[in-house]
Amino acid sequence: MTPPNPPPLPRRLYDSLPVIGGGMVLWLVAAGVVLLLGGPRELLWTCVAGLGVGAFGLVVFLAQRAAARRGDRSAQRGIERR
């Protein structure tokens, strides 16, 4: 007897864009806090680097999603919108 398959994940847990965008918003808020409170410049540059990494990740994710929609063989599977 095999166990039943688990139910599919709800869309809010499947979509990566809110996670990427939320992380970028948090880095932006952190940068604003550092600027308002006059924190060390190293913290500001850390926030800028976090935003940059988030932007790079967003571009890579969107490029992979577009490639998956086109049906490219090298594209990741499972990142298309449901």
C-alpha atoms as a PDB file:
ATOM      1  CA  MET A   1       0.000   0.000   0.000  1.00  0.00           C
ATOM      2  CA  THR A   2       1.508   3.341  -1.060  1.00  0.00           C
ATOM      3  CA  PRO A   3       0.873   6.548   0.857  1.00  0.00           C
ATOM      4  CA  PRO A   4      -1.256   9.185  -0.875  1.00  0.00           C
ATOM      5  CA  ASN A   5       0.421  12.046  -2.692  1.00  0.00           C
ATOM      6  CA  PRO A   6       0.579  15.305  -0.729  1.00  0.00           C
ATOM      7  CA  PRO A   7      -1.721  18.090  -1.881  1.00  0.00           C
ATOM      8  CA  PRO A   8      -0.172  20.786  -4.102  1.00  0.00           C
ATOM      9  CA  LEU A   9       1.246  23.880  -2.458  1.00  0.00           C
ATOM     10  CA  PRO A  10      -0.941  26.989  -2.435  1.00  0.00           C
ATOM     11  CA  ARG A  11       0.145  29.668  -4.885  1.00  0.00           C
ATOM     12  CA  ARG A  12       1.288  32.034  -2.123  1.00  0.00           C
ATOM     13  CA  LEU A  13       3.851  29.449  -1.018  1.00  0.00           C
ATOM     14  CA  TYR A  14       4.914  28.584  -4.570  1.00  0.00           C
ATOM     15  CA  ASP A  15       5.540  31.952  -6.201  1.00  0.00           C
ATOM     16  CA  SER A  16       9.107  33.236  -5.713  1.00  0.00           C
ATOM     17  CA  LEU A  17       8.539  36.850  -6.727  1.00  0.00           C
ATOM     18  CA  PRO A  18       7.048  37.941  -3.370  1.00  0.00           C
ATOM     19  CA  VAL A  19      10.010  36.397  -1.564  1.00  0.00           C
ATOM     20  CA  ILE A  20      12.577  38.129  -3.767  1.00  0.00           C
ATOM     21  CA  GLY A  21      10.679  41.424  -3.702  1.00  0.00           C
ATOM     22  CA  GLY A  22      10.131  41.202   0.045  1.00  0.00           C
ATOM     23  CA  GLY A  23      13.830  40.676   0.652  1.00  0.00           C
ATOM     24  CA  MET A  24      14.673  43.682  -1.490  1.00  0.00           C
ATOM     25  CA  VAL A  25      12.138  45.810   0.383  1.00  0.00           C
ATOM     26  CA  LEU A  26      13.687  44.746   3.703  1.00  0.00           C
ATOM     27  CA  TRP A  27      17.164  45.751   2.474  1.00  0.00           C
ATOM     28  CA  LEU A  28      15.745  49.100   1.336  1.00  0.00           C
ATOM     29  CA  VAL A  29      14.119  49.673   4.739  1.00  0.00           C
ATOM     30  CA  ALA A  30      17.372  48.751   6.472  1.00  0.00           C
ATOM     31  CA  ALA A  31      19.258  51.242   4.292  1.00  0.00           C
ATOM     32  CA  GLY A  32      16.716  53.935   5.195  1.00  0.00           C
ATOM     33  CA  VAL A  33      17.123  53.190   8.895  1.00  0.00           C
ATOM     34  CA  VAL A  34      20.919  53.397   8.603  1.00  0.00           C
ATOM     35  CA  LEU A  35      20.643  56.721   6.780  1.00  0.00           C
ATOM     36  CA  LEU A  36      18.122  58.183   9.238  1.00  0.00           C
ATOM     37  CA  LEU A  37      20.015  57.101  12.335  1.00  0.00           C
ATOM     38  CA  GLY A  38      23.407  58.010  10.946  1.00  0.00           C
ATOM     39  CA  GLY A  39      24.836  54.529  11.289  1.00  0.00           C
ATOM     40  CA  PRO A  40      28.232  53.416  10.066  1.00  0.00           C
ATOM     41  CA  ARG A  41      28.754  53.627   6.308  1.00  0.00           C
ATOM     42  CA  GLU A  42      29.727  49.946   6.262  1.00  0.00           C
ATOM     43  CA  LEU A  43      26.144  49.080   7.168  1.00  0.00           C
ATOM     44  CA  LEU A  44      24.840  51.263   4.360  1.00  0.00           C
ATOM     45  CA  TRP A  45      27.108  49.522   1.847  1.00  0.00           C
ATOM     46  CA  THR A  46      25.952  46.173   3.183  1.00  0.00           C
ATOM     47  CA  CYS A  47      22.362  47.205   2.478  1.00  0.00           C
ATOM     48  CA  VAL A  48      23.307  48.412  -1.006  1.00  0.00           C
ATOM     49  CA  ALA A  49      25.038  45.079  -1.654  1.00  0.00           C
ATOM     50  CA  GLY A  50      21.915  43.241  -0.445  1.00  0.00           C
ATOM     51  CA  LEU A  51      19.788  45.243  -2.866  1.00  0.00           C
ATOM     52  CA  GLY A  52      22.235  44.483  -5.663  1.00  0.00           C
ATOM     53  CA  VAL A  53      22.198  40.760  -4.950  1.00  0.00           C
ATOM     54  CA  GLY A  54      18.400  40.837  -4.828  1.00  0.00           C
ATOM     55  CA  ALA A  55      18.219  42.679  -8.159  1.00  0.00           C
ATOM     56  CA  PHE A  56      20.636  40.190  -9.727  1.00  0.00           C
ATOM     57  CA  GLY A  57      18.605  37.283  -8.368  1.00  0.00           C
ATOM     58  CA  LEU A  58      15.408  38.828  -9.705  1.00  0.00           C
ATOM     59  CA  VAL A  59      16.913  39.194 -13.189  1.00  0.00           C
ATOM     60  CA  VAL A  60      18.166  35.595 -13.174  1.00  0.00           C
ATOM     61  CA  PHE A  61      14.804  34.311 -11.929  1.00  0.00           C
ATOM     62  CA  LEU A  62      12.848  36.233 -14.567  1.00  0.00           C
ATOM     63  CA  ALA A  63      15.226  35.092 -17.316  1.00  0.00           C
ATOM     64  CA  GLN A  64      14.851  31.457 -16.209  1.00  0.00           C
ATOM     65  CA  ARG A  65      11.078  31.790 -16.079  1.00  0.00           C
ATOM     66  CA  ALA A  66      11.002  33.262 -19.585  1.00  0.00           C
ATOM     67  CA  ALA A  67      13.249  30.459 -20.843  1.00  0.00           C
ATOM     68  CA  ALA A  68      10.981  27.864 -19.237  1.00  0.00           C
ATOM     69  CA  ARG A  69       7.962  29.420 -20.935  1.00  0.00           C
ATOM     70  CA  ARG A  70       9.747  29.289 -24.289  1.00  0.00           C
ATOM     71  CA  GLY A  71      10.586  25.658 -23.689  1.00  0.00           C
ATOM     72  CA  ASP A  72      14.379  26.021 -23.748  1.00  0.00           C
ATOM     73  CA  ARG A  73      16.139  22.770 -22.881  1.00  0.00           C
ATOM     74  CA  SER A  74      18.565  24.517 -20.491  1.00  0.00           C
ATOM     75  CA  ALA A  75      15.829  26.243 -18.484  1.00  0.00           C
ATOM     76  CA  GLN A  76      14.871  25.190 -14.987  1.00  0.00           C
ATOM     77  CA  ARG A  77      11.593  23.359 -14.696  1.00  0.00           C
ATOM     78  CA  GLY A  78       8.883  24.093 -12.183  1.00  0.00           C
ATOM     79  CA  ILE A  79       9.264  27.880 -11.972  1.00  0.00           C
ATOM     80  CA  GLU A  80       6.478  28.715 -14.397  1.00  0.00           C
ATOM     81  CA  ARG A  81       3.413  30.455 -13.047  1.00  0.00           C
ATOM     82  CA  ARG A  82       0.601  28.076 -12.202  1.00  0.00           C
END
